[in-house]
Protein backbone atom coordinates (compact mmCIF):
# COMPACT_ATOMS: atom_id res chain seq x y z
CA MET A 1 133.89 80.46 141.47
CA ALA A 2 131.64 77.67 142.74
CA ALA A 3 132.44 78.69 146.31
CA ILE A 4 131.39 82.28 145.61
CA VAL A 5 128.10 81.12 144.04
CA GLU A 6 127.47 78.84 147.02
CA SER A 7 128.12 81.73 149.43
CA VAL A 8 125.76 84.02 147.54
CA ASN A 9 123.04 81.38 147.50
CA SER A 10 123.56 80.78 151.21
CA ASN A 11 123.16 84.49 151.92
CA ILE A 12 119.97 84.62 149.85
CA GLU A 13 118.50 81.65 151.72
CA ARG A 14 119.47 83.11 155.08
CA ALA A 15 118.00 86.47 154.12
CA GLU A 16 114.68 84.79 153.28
CA GLU A 17 114.61 83.09 156.68
CA ILE A 18 115.26 86.39 158.43
CA LYS A 19 112.54 88.08 156.35
CA LEU A 20 110.01 85.49 157.56
CA SER A 21 111.02 86.23 161.17
CA ALA A 22 110.69 89.95 160.46
CA ASN A 23 107.20 89.40 159.04
CA GLU A 24 106.20 87.60 162.23
CA ALA A 25 107.57 90.44 164.37
CA PHE A 26 105.60 92.90 162.25
CA LYS A 27 102.37 90.93 162.70
CA ALA A 28 102.98 91.02 166.47
CA ASN A 29 103.27 94.85 166.32
CA LYS A 30 106.96 94.63 167.21
CA PHE A 31 107.92 97.15 164.55
CA SER A 32 111.38 98.09 165.86
CA GLN A 33 112.32 94.41 165.97
CA ALA A 34 110.94 93.97 162.46
CA ILE A 35 113.08 96.86 161.20
CA ASP A 36 116.21 95.32 162.76
CA LEU A 37 115.45 91.97 161.10
CA TYR A 38 114.68 93.47 157.69
CA SER A 39 117.98 95.36 158.00
CA GLN A 40 119.81 92.07 158.56
CA ALA A 41 118.12 90.59 155.48
CA ILE A 42 119.15 93.65 153.45
CA GLU A 43 122.78 93.26 154.57
CA LEU A 44 122.73 89.71 153.23
CA ASN A 45 120.82 90.53 150.04
CA GLY A 46 120.40 94.23 149.36
CA THR A 47 119.07 93.70 145.86
CA ASN A 48 115.69 92.34 146.97
CA ALA A 49 113.06 95.11 146.63
CA VAL A 50 110.66 93.29 148.96
CA TYR A 51 112.95 93.71 151.97
CA TRP A 52 113.24 97.46 151.40
CA ALA A 53 109.48 97.89 150.90
CA ASN A 54 108.69 95.81 153.98
CA ARG A 55 111.10 97.86 156.10
CA ALA A 56 109.45 101.00 154.73
CA PHE A 57 106.09 99.71 155.97
CA ALA A 58 107.53 99.05 159.44
CA HIS A 59 109.01 102.58 159.51
CA THR A 60 105.56 103.93 158.65
CA LYS A 61 104.06 102.15 161.65
CA LEU A 62 106.61 103.94 163.88
CA GLU A 63 105.77 107.29 162.21
CA GLU A 64 109.29 107.38 160.71
CA TYR A 65 107.96 108.61 157.39
CA GLY A 66 111.23 110.07 156.14
CA SER A 67 112.93 106.67 156.52
CA ALA A 68 109.92 104.99 154.91
CA VAL A 69 110.22 107.22 151.83
CA GLN A 70 113.95 106.44 151.55
CA ASP A 71 113.43 102.67 151.81
CA ALA A 72 110.48 102.64 149.39
CA THR A 73 112.50 104.73 146.92
CA LYS A 74 115.31 102.16 147.13
CA ALA A 75 112.81 99.37 146.42
CA ILE A 76 111.62 101.28 143.33
CA GLU A 77 115.21 101.80 142.13
CA ILE A 78 115.84 98.04 142.41
CA ASP A 79 112.59 97.11 140.67
CA PRO A 80 110.72 99.94 138.90
CA ARG A 81 107.81 97.54 138.25
CA TYR A 82 107.37 96.61 141.92
CA SER A 83 104.00 98.17 142.75
CA LYS A 84 104.38 97.89 146.54
CA GLY A 85 107.39 100.20 146.42
CA TYR A 86 105.23 102.99 145.02
CA TYR A 87 102.39 102.02 147.34
CA ARG A 88 104.57 102.22 150.48
CA ARG A 89 106.12 105.51 149.43
CA GLY A 90 102.72 106.96 148.58
CA ALA A 91 101.37 105.94 151.98
CA ALA A 92 104.33 107.60 153.72
CA TYR A 93 103.89 110.79 151.70
CA LEU A 94 100.23 110.73 152.57
CA ALA A 95 100.97 110.46 156.28
CA MET A 96 103.28 113.48 155.94
CA GLY A 97 100.45 115.45 154.31
CA LYS A 98 102.26 115.50 150.95
CA PHE A 99 99.19 114.64 148.90
CA LYS A 100 100.56 115.68 145.51
CA GLU A 101 103.62 113.44 145.87
CA ALA A 102 101.37 110.61 147.10
CA LEU A 103 99.12 111.00 144.05
CA LYS A 104 102.04 110.45 141.65
CA ASP A 105 102.92 107.19 143.38
CA PHE A 106 99.34 105.88 143.40
CA GLN A 107 99.04 106.76 139.73
CA GLN A 108 102.08 104.55 139.16
CA VAL A 109 100.50 101.74 141.19
CA LYS A 110 97.40 101.96 138.97
CA LYS A 111 99.58 101.94 135.85
CA ILE A 112 101.40 98.78 136.97
CA CYS A 113 98.20 97.09 138.25
CA PRO A 114 95.44 98.43 135.95
CA ASN A 115 92.96 95.71 136.91
CA ASP A 116 93.46 95.96 140.67
CA PRO A 117 90.19 97.35 142.13
CA ASP A 118 91.91 98.27 145.39
CA ALA A 119 94.51 100.35 143.53
CA SER A 120 91.72 102.08 141.56
CA LYS A 121 89.81 102.91 144.73
CA LYS A 122 92.84 104.37 146.47
CA LEU A 123 93.83 106.41 143.43
CA LYS A 124 90.33 107.93 143.27
CA GLU A 125 90.46 108.87 146.96
CA CYS A 126 93.90 110.39 146.50
CA GLU A 127 92.70 112.42 143.49
CA LYS A 128 89.79 113.73 145.59
CA ALA A 129 92.16 114.76 148.39
CA VAL A 130 94.45 116.63 145.96
CA GLN A 131 91.46 118.37 144.33
CA LYS A 132 90.23 119.45 147.77
CA LEU A 133 93.72 120.71 148.66
CA ARG A 134 93.92 122.74 145.44
CA PHE A 135 90.50 124.23 146.13
CA GLU A 136 91.50 125.19 149.68
CA GLU A 137 94.72 126.75 148.37
CA ALA A 138 92.73 128.75 145.81
CA ILE A 139 90.32 130.22 148.36
CA ALA A 140 92.83 130.60 151.19
CA VAL A 141 93.02 134.02 152.80
CA HIS A 142 96.49 135.45 153.46
CA GLU A 143 97.51 135.33 157.13
CA SER A 144 97.67 139.13 157.33
CA GLU A 145 94.06 139.42 156.11
CA LYS A 146 92.55 136.81 158.42
CA ARG A 147 90.13 137.87 161.12
CA SER A 148 90.31 136.19 164.48
CA ILE A 149 87.50 133.66 164.88
CA ALA A 150 87.82 134.04 168.65
CA ASP A 151 87.04 137.74 168.47
CA SER A 152 83.74 136.99 166.72
CA ILE A 153 82.42 134.69 169.48
CA ASP A 154 80.48 135.85 172.52
CA PHE A 155 79.71 132.76 174.59
CA HIS A 156 77.47 134.82 176.92
CA THR A 157 74.82 135.00 174.20
CA ILE A 158 74.56 131.22 173.81
CA GLU A 159 71.51 129.83 175.55
CA VAL A 160 71.75 126.71 177.71
CA GLU A 161 68.60 124.63 177.30
CA SER A 162 66.67 123.75 180.45
CA GLN A 163 66.97 120.04 179.68
CA TYR A 164 70.77 120.18 179.79
CA THR A 165 71.92 118.31 182.92
CA GLY A 166 75.69 118.39 182.41
CA ALA A 167 78.43 120.45 184.05
CA ARG A 168 77.83 124.21 184.22
CA ILE A 169 80.14 127.17 184.80
CA GLU A 170 78.47 129.71 187.05
CA GLY A 171 79.58 133.14 185.90
CA GLU A 172 83.13 133.63 184.67
CA VAL A 173 85.09 131.39 187.03
CA VAL A 174 86.03 127.77 186.20
CA THR A 175 86.03 125.88 189.51
CA LEU A 176 87.42 122.52 190.55
CA GLU A 177 83.87 121.28 191.15
CA PHE A 178 82.98 122.12 187.55
CA VAL A 179 86.09 120.39 186.15
CA LYS A 180 85.43 117.25 188.21
CA LYS A 181 81.83 117.06 186.99
CA MET A 182 82.90 117.70 183.40
CA MET A 183 85.50 114.88 183.56
CA ASP A 184 82.87 112.56 185.03
CA GLU A 185 80.48 113.44 182.19
CA PHE A 186 83.24 112.82 179.66
CA LYS A 187 84.04 109.50 181.32
CA ASN A 188 80.44 108.45 180.68
CA GLN A 189 80.68 109.65 177.05
CA ARG A 190 78.47 112.68 177.54
CA HIS A 191 79.28 116.03 175.96
CA LEU A 192 79.80 119.48 177.40
CA HIS A 193 77.42 122.24 176.30
CA LYS A 194 78.92 124.39 173.55
CA ARG A 195 78.55 127.53 175.64
CA TYR A 196 80.94 126.18 178.27
CA ALA A 197 83.27 124.69 175.67
CA TYR A 198 83.56 128.13 174.08
CA GLN A 199 84.12 129.73 177.49
CA ILE A 200 86.95 127.34 178.39
CA ILE A 201 88.71 127.66 175.04
CA LEU A 202 88.43 131.44 174.90
CA GLN A 203 89.64 131.91 178.48
CA ALA A 204 92.54 129.51 177.87
CA ARG A 205 93.41 131.44 174.70
CA GLU A 206 93.60 134.70 176.62
CA MET A 207 96.02 133.17 179.15
CA LEU A 208 98.19 131.43 176.54
CA GLN A 209 98.35 134.49 174.32
CA ALA A 210 99.88 136.52 177.15
CA MET A 211 102.70 134.03 177.72
CA PRO A 212 106.13 134.22 176.03
CA SER A 213 107.32 131.60 173.54
CA LEU A 214 109.73 130.29 176.21
CA VAL A 215 108.23 130.22 179.71
CA ASP A 216 110.20 130.14 182.95
CA ILE A 217 108.67 128.07 185.77
CA SER A 218 109.84 128.54 189.34
CA VAL A 219 109.35 125.59 191.69
CA PRO A 220 109.99 126.54 195.36
CA ASN A 221 112.16 124.30 197.55
CA GLY A 222 110.19 121.34 198.87
CA HIS A 223 107.63 121.66 196.05
CA HIS A 224 107.40 119.64 192.83
CA ILE A 225 106.15 119.68 189.25
CA THR A 226 105.08 116.71 187.07
CA VAL A 227 106.01 116.59 183.38
CA CYS A 228 103.88 114.43 181.07
CA GLY A 229 104.50 113.60 177.42
CA ASP A 230 102.15 112.92 174.51
CA VAL A 231 98.57 111.98 175.47
CA HIS A 232 97.16 111.82 171.92
CA GLY A 233 93.48 111.81 172.73
CA GLN A 234 93.69 108.92 175.23
CA PHE A 235 91.33 110.51 177.75
CA TYR A 236 90.93 107.48 179.99
CA ASP A 237 94.70 107.22 180.37
CA LEU A 238 94.78 110.92 181.23
CA LEU A 239 92.27 110.22 184.02
CA ASN A 240 94.55 107.43 185.20
CA ILE A 241 97.50 109.86 185.42
CA PHE A 242 95.41 112.04 187.72
CA GLU A 243 94.44 108.94 189.76
CA LEU A 244 98.08 107.97 190.17
CA ASN A 245 99.54 111.43 190.75
CA GLY A 246 96.68 113.62 191.95
CA LEU A 247 94.60 116.31 190.27
CA PRO A 248 96.35 119.48 189.04
CA SER A 249 96.50 122.26 191.62
CA GLU A 250 98.87 125.05 192.63
CA GLU A 251 100.51 122.55 195.02
CA ASN A 252 100.52 119.77 192.38
CA PRO A 253 101.29 121.47 189.04
CA TYR A 254 101.63 119.68 185.70
CA LEU A 255 103.41 120.47 182.46
CA PHE A 256 101.90 118.59 179.51
CA ASN A 257 104.49 118.57 176.77
CA GLY A 258 102.47 118.72 173.54
CA ASP A 259 100.53 116.32 171.31
CA PHE A 260 97.35 116.41 173.36
CA VAL A 261 95.22 115.51 170.34
CA ASP A 262 95.03 113.29 167.20
CA ARG A 263 95.24 109.51 166.83
CA GLY A 264 93.16 108.77 169.96
CA SER A 265 89.42 109.35 169.55
CA PHE A 266 88.81 111.26 172.79
CA SER A 267 90.94 114.27 171.88
CA VAL A 268 88.14 116.79 172.48
CA GLU A 269 87.75 115.48 176.02
CA VAL A 270 91.52 115.64 176.62
CA ILE A 271 91.99 119.20 175.37
CA LEU A 272 88.91 120.60 177.14
CA THR A 273 90.08 119.00 180.41
CA LEU A 274 93.60 120.43 180.11
CA PHE A 275 92.29 123.86 179.11
CA ALA A 276 89.76 123.79 181.97
CA PHE A 277 92.50 123.15 184.52
CA LYS A 278 94.47 125.99 182.95
CA CYS A 279 91.46 128.28 183.42
CA MET A 280 90.89 127.05 186.97
CA SER A 281 94.45 127.82 188.02
CA PRO A 282 97.08 129.08 185.53
CA THR A 283 99.97 127.79 187.69
CA ALA A 284 98.40 124.33 188.08
CA MET A 285 98.62 123.52 184.38
CA TYR A 286 101.33 124.40 181.86
CA LEU A 287 100.91 123.38 178.22
CA SER A 288 103.48 123.36 175.43
CA ARG A 289 102.89 122.98 171.71
CA GLY A 290 103.56 119.70 169.95
CA ASN A 291 103.82 118.98 166.25
CA HIS A 292 100.20 117.73 166.33
CA GLU A 293 98.85 121.08 167.49
CA SER A 294 98.64 122.17 163.87
CA LYS A 295 96.05 122.33 161.11
CA SER A 296 97.83 119.95 158.78
CA MET A 297 98.19 117.20 161.37
CA ASN A 298 94.67 117.68 162.73
CA LYS A 299 93.25 117.39 159.22
CA ILE A 300 94.97 114.04 158.67
CA TYR A 301 94.99 112.34 162.07
CA GLY A 302 91.47 112.80 163.36
CA PHE A 303 91.17 115.84 165.61
CA GLU A 304 89.51 118.00 162.97
CA GLY A 305 86.92 115.32 162.23
CA GLU A 306 86.31 114.69 165.92
CA VAL A 307 85.81 118.40 166.68
CA ARG A 308 83.44 118.74 163.74
CA SER A 309 81.45 115.73 164.97
CA LYS A 310 81.27 116.65 168.67
CA LEU A 311 81.27 120.45 168.65
CA GLY A 312 80.82 121.82 165.13
CA GLU A 313 82.68 123.61 162.36
CA THR A 314 83.38 126.87 164.20
CA PHE A 315 85.37 125.03 166.85
CA VAL A 316 87.72 123.62 164.17
CA GLU A 317 88.95 127.12 163.35
CA LEU A 318 88.90 128.17 166.99
CA PHE A 319 91.16 125.33 168.13
CA ALA A 320 93.55 126.00 165.24
CA GLU A 321 93.80 129.62 166.35
CA VAL A 322 94.33 128.76 170.03
CA PHE A 323 96.97 126.13 169.24
CA CYS A 324 99.04 128.93 167.70
CA CYS A 325 99.09 130.60 171.13
CA LEU A 326 100.71 127.64 172.92
CA PRO A 327 104.27 128.30 174.21
CA LEU A 328 107.05 126.37 172.47
CA ALA A 329 109.23 125.46 175.47
CA TYR A 330 109.71 125.83 179.23
CA VAL A 331 112.65 126.12 181.60
CA ILE A 332 112.20 124.81 185.16
CA ASN A 333 114.25 126.59 187.84
CA ASP A 334 116.81 127.74 185.25
CA LYS A 335 118.04 124.14 184.89
CA ILE A 336 115.63 121.88 182.97
CA PHE A 337 114.72 122.63 179.36
CA VAL A 338 111.36 121.07 178.37
CA VAL A 339 110.32 120.93 174.71
CA HIS A 340 108.14 118.63 172.63
CA GLY A 341 110.60 117.64 169.91
CA GLY A 342 114.23 118.57 170.36
CA LEU A 343 117.24 120.66 169.47
CA PHE A 344 118.59 122.50 166.48
CA SER A 345 120.40 122.19 163.15
CA VAL A 346 122.92 124.86 164.21
CA ASP A 347 125.00 125.42 167.34
CA GLY A 348 124.84 128.58 169.40
CA VAL A 349 121.06 128.79 169.86
CA LYS A 350 120.40 130.68 173.09
CA LEU A 351 117.27 130.73 175.22
CA SER A 352 116.83 134.34 174.17
CA ASP A 353 116.54 133.16 170.55
CA ILE A 354 113.67 130.87 171.51
CA ARG A 355 111.96 133.64 173.47
CA ALA A 356 112.16 135.82 170.35
CA ILE A 357 110.29 133.35 168.08
CA ASP A 358 107.00 134.69 166.75
CA ARG A 359 104.98 131.55 167.38
CA PHE A 360 101.51 132.82 166.45
CA CYS A 361 101.29 130.88 163.19
CA GLU A 362 101.10 127.40 161.75
CA PRO A 363 104.47 125.66 162.21
CA PRO A 364 106.93 126.34 159.37
CA GLU A 365 108.71 123.49 157.59
CA GLU A 366 112.17 124.62 158.69
CA GLY A 367 113.87 126.84 161.25
CA LEU A 368 113.96 126.95 165.04
CA MET A 369 110.23 126.56 165.62
CA CYS A 370 110.02 123.55 163.31
CA GLU A 371 113.00 121.90 165.01
CA LEU A 372 111.60 122.50 168.51
CA LEU A 373 108.45 120.62 167.51
CA TRP A 374 109.85 117.86 165.28
CA SER A 375 113.46 116.89 166.05
CA ASP A 376 114.60 113.62 167.64
CA PRO A 377 117.77 112.45 169.42
CA GLN A 378 120.10 109.93 167.78
CA PRO A 379 122.75 107.66 169.33
CA GLN A 380 125.48 108.91 166.96
CA ARG A 381 127.34 112.16 167.54
CA GLY A 382 126.62 115.15 165.35
CA ARG A 383 123.47 115.64 163.33
CA GLY A 384 121.65 113.54 160.78
CA PRO A 385 118.50 113.51 158.65
CA SER A 386 115.18 113.06 160.43
CA LYS A 387 113.52 109.65 160.37
CA ARG A 388 110.26 111.59 160.06
CA GLY A 389 111.21 113.66 157.06
CA VAL A 390 110.82 116.89 159.08
CA GLY A 391 113.31 118.43 161.52
CA LEU A 392 116.55 116.55 162.20
CA SER A 393 118.27 113.99 164.42
CA PHE A 394 120.83 115.27 166.94
CA GLY A 395 123.53 113.52 168.94
CA GLU A 396 124.87 113.62 172.48
CA ASP A 397 127.46 116.27 171.62
CA VAL A 398 124.72 118.61 170.35
CA THR A 399 122.78 118.16 173.58
CA LYS A 400 125.88 118.71 175.70
CA ARG A 401 126.82 121.94 173.90
CA PHE A 402 123.30 123.36 174.09
CA LEU A 403 123.14 122.70 177.84
CA GLN A 404 126.58 124.16 178.48
CA GLU A 405 125.97 127.28 176.40
CA ASN A 406 122.71 127.96 178.26
CA ASN A 407 123.84 126.90 181.75
CA LEU A 408 121.26 124.10 181.87
CA ASP A 409 121.44 120.56 183.28
CA LEU A 410 118.87 118.49 181.39
CA VAL A 411 116.66 118.31 178.29
CA VAL A 412 113.21 116.72 178.72
CA ARG A 413 111.32 116.02 175.52
CA SER A 414 108.51 113.78 174.25
CA HIS A 415 107.43 113.05 170.65
CA GLU A 416 108.44 109.34 170.52
CA VAL A 417 106.84 106.11 171.74
CA LYS A 418 109.04 104.30 174.27
CA ASP A 419 108.47 100.77 175.56
CA GLU A 420 108.58 101.83 179.22
CA GLY A 421 107.07 105.25 178.58
CA TYR A 422 110.47 106.92 178.85
CA GLU A 423 114.10 106.61 177.82
CA ILE A 424 117.24 108.24 179.26
CA GLU A 425 119.84 109.06 176.60
CA HIS A 426 122.86 111.25 175.84
CA ASN A 427 124.80 110.31 178.94
CA GLY A 428 121.85 111.06 181.20
CA LYS A 429 121.40 114.60 179.83
CA LEU A 430 118.24 113.91 177.81
CA ILE A 431 115.02 112.16 178.84
CA THR A 432 112.13 111.28 176.52
CA VAL A 433 108.75 110.94 178.26
CA PHE A 434 105.66 109.61 176.49
CA SER A 435 102.32 109.39 178.32
CA ALA A 436 100.05 107.46 175.92
CA PRO A 437 100.28 103.78 176.95
CA ASN A 438 99.43 101.12 174.35
CA TYR A 439 99.58 103.87 171.78
CA CYS A 440 96.88 103.55 169.13
CA ASP A 441 95.66 100.40 170.91
CA GLN A 442 98.45 98.40 169.30
CA MET A 443 101.97 99.36 170.41
CA GLY A 444 101.92 97.62 173.81
CA ASN A 445 104.09 100.35 175.38
CA LYS A 446 103.74 101.78 178.86
CA GLY A 447 103.19 105.45 179.53
CA ALA A 448 105.21 107.53 181.98
CA PHE A 449 105.44 110.85 183.77
CA ILE A 450 108.32 112.55 185.59
CA ARG A 451 108.10 114.33 188.92
CA PHE A 452 110.79 116.90 189.77
CA THR A 453 111.11 118.12 193.36
CA ALA A 454 113.10 121.28 194.19
CA PRO A 455 115.82 122.07 194.92
CA VAL A 456 117.59 118.92 193.65
CA LEU A 457 115.22 118.35 190.67
CA LYS A 458 116.19 114.70 190.38
CA PRO A 459 113.81 112.97 187.94
CA ASP A 460 111.40 110.58 189.67
CA ILE A 461 109.93 108.58 186.77
CA VAL A 462 106.69 106.60 187.09
CA SER A 463 105.63 104.13 184.38
CA PHE A 464 102.03 102.98 184.04
CA SER A 465 99.97 100.67 181.86
CA ALA A 466 96.93 101.45 179.71
CA VAL A 467 93.45 101.32 181.19
CA PRO A 468 90.28 100.20 179.38
CA HIS A 469 88.34 102.68 177.29
CA PRO A 470 84.99 102.55 175.47
CA ASP A 471 84.92 100.67 172.19
CA VAL A 472 85.83 103.61 169.97
CA LYS A 473 88.93 102.81 167.94
CA PRO A 474 91.85 105.19 167.48
CA MET A 475 91.63 107.27 164.29
CA ALA A 476 87.83 106.83 164.31
CA TYR A 477 87.44 110.43 163.12
CA ALA A 478 90.38 110.46 160.71
CA SER A 479 89.62 110.77 157.01
CA ASN A 480 88.54 107.54 155.35
CA PHE A 481 91.37 108.19 152.95
CA LEU A 482 94.07 107.86 155.60
CA GLN A 483 92.39 104.84 157.19
CA MET A 484 92.59 103.01 153.87
CA PHE A 485 96.37 103.04 154.10
CA SER A 486 96.89 102.37 157.83
């Protein structure tokens, strides 16, 4: 008996030592390492609520909100009076846009800590957010009754003041000279006139609207295409991609694989630049939808606030409408499947099924469109729950079957931060590419892009580091409410 007690005590002491190491890793922004260490502590002493709540916080930092909810729930089950368990779960629900669930948890925090001014402040903010959500739901117009905001705008009638010295579009044609000047203005933190912003967005909408949900790209022999992952409003890193790999053109085409906006505080500059290149030459710039090209994400993670600040309220609705026109996936030379998130909860999905998706809507919470935007690969075979709480995780066997059934060679996707900007998984049949280095100014990761040259289409991957940007922090335009919990 004494030996058992001694072993238990030894495990508890060792777990505490590991927790301290995990805390240090967390402070150094090494969140994956922190999760591994908290997991080791949990294996030694799984009845300590602190370990579960701390791991939940680390999951939140990696945007693994589904895992964070599970860990925080476990902490609450172990100790129903542990306020941080409710706090961590509430913060994860908040990040998922589940304000009503978050409110219940923050009410519990306030109940446990009635004299904590910080808990009171956060509860009030959460109550305000839920009230606003209920009001928006009450006045919401049914999709079938909505009028297109784009159809109500005539940019030709908008006057350009004589004192405006920025980039100008002469007539209807977006030229390379205009795009270069616009990027230079953006680089110096100057804004584009609203007339030209409207023109770019409306022309891009017309092009995107005419495209199918799954787009085939043909790259002639001897030619290439460059695939980039998430940019997330990091405009100065986008400029660096063009420095390293050349400006978009018909001879140097790009496919940007979703998540152009949110998090980074230069999202307006990023999206206007990408749309402008699309207008300049449709085959120089291909754009696919990410999970952040949606109203719910933009409301939480900063793009909506940034658009309202830099361009005005009408543009908020206009961008939301245009994002619904973005294609969901691409196939390069009948061999490479490019999608923002990943694959599906069922086998047998054919390319024709993806082409048939009616994408002109906000992303649903389940089904093929949701999974294309949200899913992630996993090292285990089969399928599992999503770390994010939306979509699913899929294994090497799922990837292999999808490729075989559709006569494809490779899946390229984005959606996840990677230390080197990319990761090759599933026996070389799946590549993740992420193009926002030092994500949110704290992750320390590199960015990457992939160049494919026909006919072989072997991936040539280039990693790059972050470049300096003006002193505007990520999430500067996000709601104060979300910033309180980050």
